Amino acid sequence: MTVELQHAMAQYEEARIQYRKAVLASLNGDSNGDAIRQAIQAFQAARAELARQGGAPAAAAPKAEPARTASPAWSFVRRLLQAG
């Protein structure tokens, strides 16, 4: 891992933390939307730098939940409705 990549990763994490702090401060009424907008801009810049250095952010996108199997009770109700 290069020094530049480590620096980009550190900037990304710091920007992510600052964004969370800005959102929490906004929820408490301690700050306005300007702090959040600045945090978003810093986060986007840090993410772009990290991508340029070849690193991938740890939490790039949430993954979809796996499909759940139907419970026996739901299967019974579905069969009743189909027989209807």
C-alpha atoms as a PDB file:
ATOM      1  CA  MET A   1       0.000   0.000   0.000  1.00  0.00           C
ATOM      2  CA  THR A   2       1.447   3.317  -1.043  1.00  0.00           C
ATOM      3  CA  VAL A   3       1.707   6.361   1.170  1.00  0.00           C
ATOM      4  CA  GLU A   4      -0.658   8.232  -1.167  1.00  0.00           C
ATOM      5  CA  LEU A   5      -3.270   5.497  -0.848  1.00  0.00           C
ATOM      6  CA  GLN A   6      -2.946   5.515   2.946  1.00  0.00           C
ATOM      7  CA  HIS A   7      -3.359   9.291   2.952  1.00  0.00           C
ATOM      8  CA  ALA A   8      -6.440   9.055   0.707  1.00  0.00           C
ATOM      9  CA  MET A   9      -7.954   6.397   2.987  1.00  0.00           C
ATOM     10  CA  ALA A  10      -7.359   8.572   6.045  1.00  0.00           C
ATOM     11  CA  GLN A  11      -8.971  11.573   4.342  1.00  0.00           C
ATOM     12  CA  TYR A  12     -11.958   9.443   3.360  1.00  0.00           C
ATOM     13  CA  GLU A  13     -12.487   8.225   6.912  1.00  0.00           C
ATOM     14  CA  GLU A  14     -12.088  11.720   8.353  1.00  0.00           C
ATOM     15  CA  ALA A  15     -14.603  13.139   5.862  1.00  0.00           C
ATOM     16  CA  ARG A  16     -17.038  10.336   6.685  1.00  0.00           C
ATOM     17  CA  ILE A  17     -16.754  11.088  10.392  1.00  0.00           C
ATOM     18  CA  GLN A  18     -17.207  14.822   9.834  1.00  0.00           C
ATOM     19  CA  TYR A  19     -20.351  14.137   7.817  1.00  0.00           C
ATOM     20  CA  ARG A  20     -21.809  12.010  10.613  1.00  0.00           C
ATOM     21  CA  LYS A  21     -20.997  14.726  13.148  1.00  0.00           C
ATOM     22  CA  ALA A  22     -22.642  17.383  10.966  1.00  0.00           C
ATOM     23  CA  VAL A  23     -25.793  15.307  10.586  1.00  0.00           C
ATOM     24  CA  LEU A  24     -25.998  14.615  14.314  1.00  0.00           C
ATOM     25  CA  ALA A  25     -25.434  18.296  15.108  1.00  0.00           C
ATOM     26  CA  SER A  26     -28.200  19.179  12.673  1.00  0.00           C
ATOM     27  CA  LEU A  27     -30.576  16.753  14.357  1.00  0.00           C
ATOM     28  CA  ASN A  28     -29.855  18.426  17.688  1.00  0.00           C
ATOM     29  CA  GLY A  29     -30.390  21.865  16.140  1.00  0.00           C
ATOM     30  CA  ASP A  30     -26.757  22.850  16.750  1.00  0.00           C
ATOM     31  CA  SER A  31     -25.951  23.479  13.078  1.00  0.00           C
ATOM     32  CA  ASN A  32     -27.636  24.292   9.821  1.00  0.00           C
ATOM     33  CA  GLY A  33     -27.520  22.752   6.379  1.00  0.00           C
ATOM     34  CA  ASP A  34     -24.312  24.584   5.450  1.00  0.00           C
ATOM     35  CA  ALA A  35     -22.228  22.300   7.656  1.00  0.00           C
ATOM     36  CA  ILE A  36     -23.800  19.235   6.080  1.00  0.00           C
ATOM     37  CA  ARG A  37     -23.246  20.553   2.545  1.00  0.00           C
ATOM     38  CA  GLN A  38     -19.585  21.269   3.313  1.00  0.00           C
ATOM     39  CA  ALA A  39     -19.183  17.813   4.834  1.00  0.00           C
ATOM     40  CA  ILE A  40     -20.756  16.214   1.760  1.00  0.00           C
ATOM     41  CA  GLN A  41     -18.409  18.127  -0.543  1.00  0.00           C
ATOM     42  CA  ALA A  42     -15.398  17.074   1.524  1.00  0.00           C
ATOM     43  CA  PHE A  43     -16.608  13.474   1.528  1.00  0.00           C
ATOM     44  CA  GLN A  44     -17.111  13.459  -2.242  1.00  0.00           C
ATOM     45  CA  ALA A  45     -13.662  14.930  -2.813  1.00  0.00           C
ATOM     46  CA  ALA A  46     -12.058  12.383  -0.486  1.00  0.00           C
ATOM     47  CA  ARG A  47     -13.944   9.528  -2.158  1.00  0.00           C
ATOM     48  CA  ALA A  48     -12.818  10.705  -5.606  1.00  0.00           C
ATOM     49  CA  GLU A  49      -9.208  10.902  -4.429  1.00  0.00           C
ATOM     50  CA  LEU A  50      -9.428   7.422  -2.955  1.00  0.00           C
ATOM     51  CA  ALA A  51     -10.846   6.050  -6.206  1.00  0.00           C
ATOM     52  CA  ARG A  52      -8.092   7.793  -8.162  1.00  0.00           C
ATOM     53  CA  GLN A  53      -5.457   6.185  -5.927  1.00  0.00           C
ATOM     54  CA  GLY A  54      -6.933   2.776  -6.657  1.00  0.00           C
ATOM     55  CA  GLY A  55      -8.554   2.079  -3.315  1.00  0.00           C
ATOM     56  CA  ALA A  56     -12.177   1.204  -2.837  1.00  0.00           C
ATOM     57  CA  PRO A  57     -14.200   2.711   0.008  1.00  0.00           C
ATOM     58  CA  ALA A  58     -15.120   0.184   2.662  1.00  0.00           C
ATOM     59  CA  ALA A  59     -18.825   0.952   2.581  1.00  0.00           C
ATOM     60  CA  ALA A  60     -19.348   1.805  -1.059  1.00  0.00           C
ATOM     61  CA  ALA A  61     -22.958   0.675  -1.362  1.00  0.00           C
ATOM     62  CA  PRO A  62     -25.360  -1.265   0.800  1.00  0.00           C
ATOM     63  CA  LYS A  63     -25.999  -4.785  -0.385  1.00  0.00           C
ATOM     64  CA  ALA A  64     -29.460  -6.165  -0.939  1.00  0.00           C
ATOM     65  CA  GLU A  65     -30.779  -8.535   1.660  1.00  0.00           C
ATOM     66  CA  PRO A  66     -31.026 -12.171   0.606  1.00  0.00           C
ATOM     67  CA  ALA A  67     -34.482 -13.430  -0.270  1.00  0.00           C
ATOM     68  CA  ARG A  68     -36.322 -14.906   2.671  1.00  0.00           C
ATOM     69  CA  THR A  69     -38.091 -18.195   2.503  1.00  0.00           C
ATOM     70  CA  ALA A  70     -41.792 -18.221   3.169  1.00  0.00           C
ATOM     71  CA  SER A  71     -42.964 -19.476   6.531  1.00  0.00           C
ATOM     72  CA  PRO A  72     -45.231 -22.533   6.656  1.00  0.00           C
ATOM     73  CA  ALA A  73     -48.140 -20.366   7.825  1.00  0.00           C
ATOM     74  CA  TRP A  74     -47.745 -17.995   4.891  1.00  0.00           C
ATOM     75  CA  SER A  75     -47.552 -20.935   2.474  1.00  0.00           C
ATOM     76  CA  PHE A  76     -50.821 -22.267   3.898  1.00  0.00           C
ATOM     77  CA  VAL A  77     -52.565 -18.888   3.498  1.00  0.00           C
ATOM     78  CA  ARG A  78     -51.264 -18.548  -0.048  1.00  0.00           C
ATOM     79  CA  ARG A  79     -52.587 -22.024  -0.954  1.00  0.00           C
ATOM     80  CA  LEU A  80     -55.997 -21.092   0.499  1.00  0.00           C
ATOM     81  CA  LEU A  81     -56.111 -17.908  -1.570  1.00  0.00           C
ATOM     82  CA  GLN A  82     -55.119 -19.722  -4.740  1.00  0.00           C
ATOM     83  CA  ALA A  83     -57.765 -22.398  -4.189  1.00  0.00           C
ATOM     84  CA  GLY A  84     -60.401 -19.690  -3.607  1.00  0.00           C
END
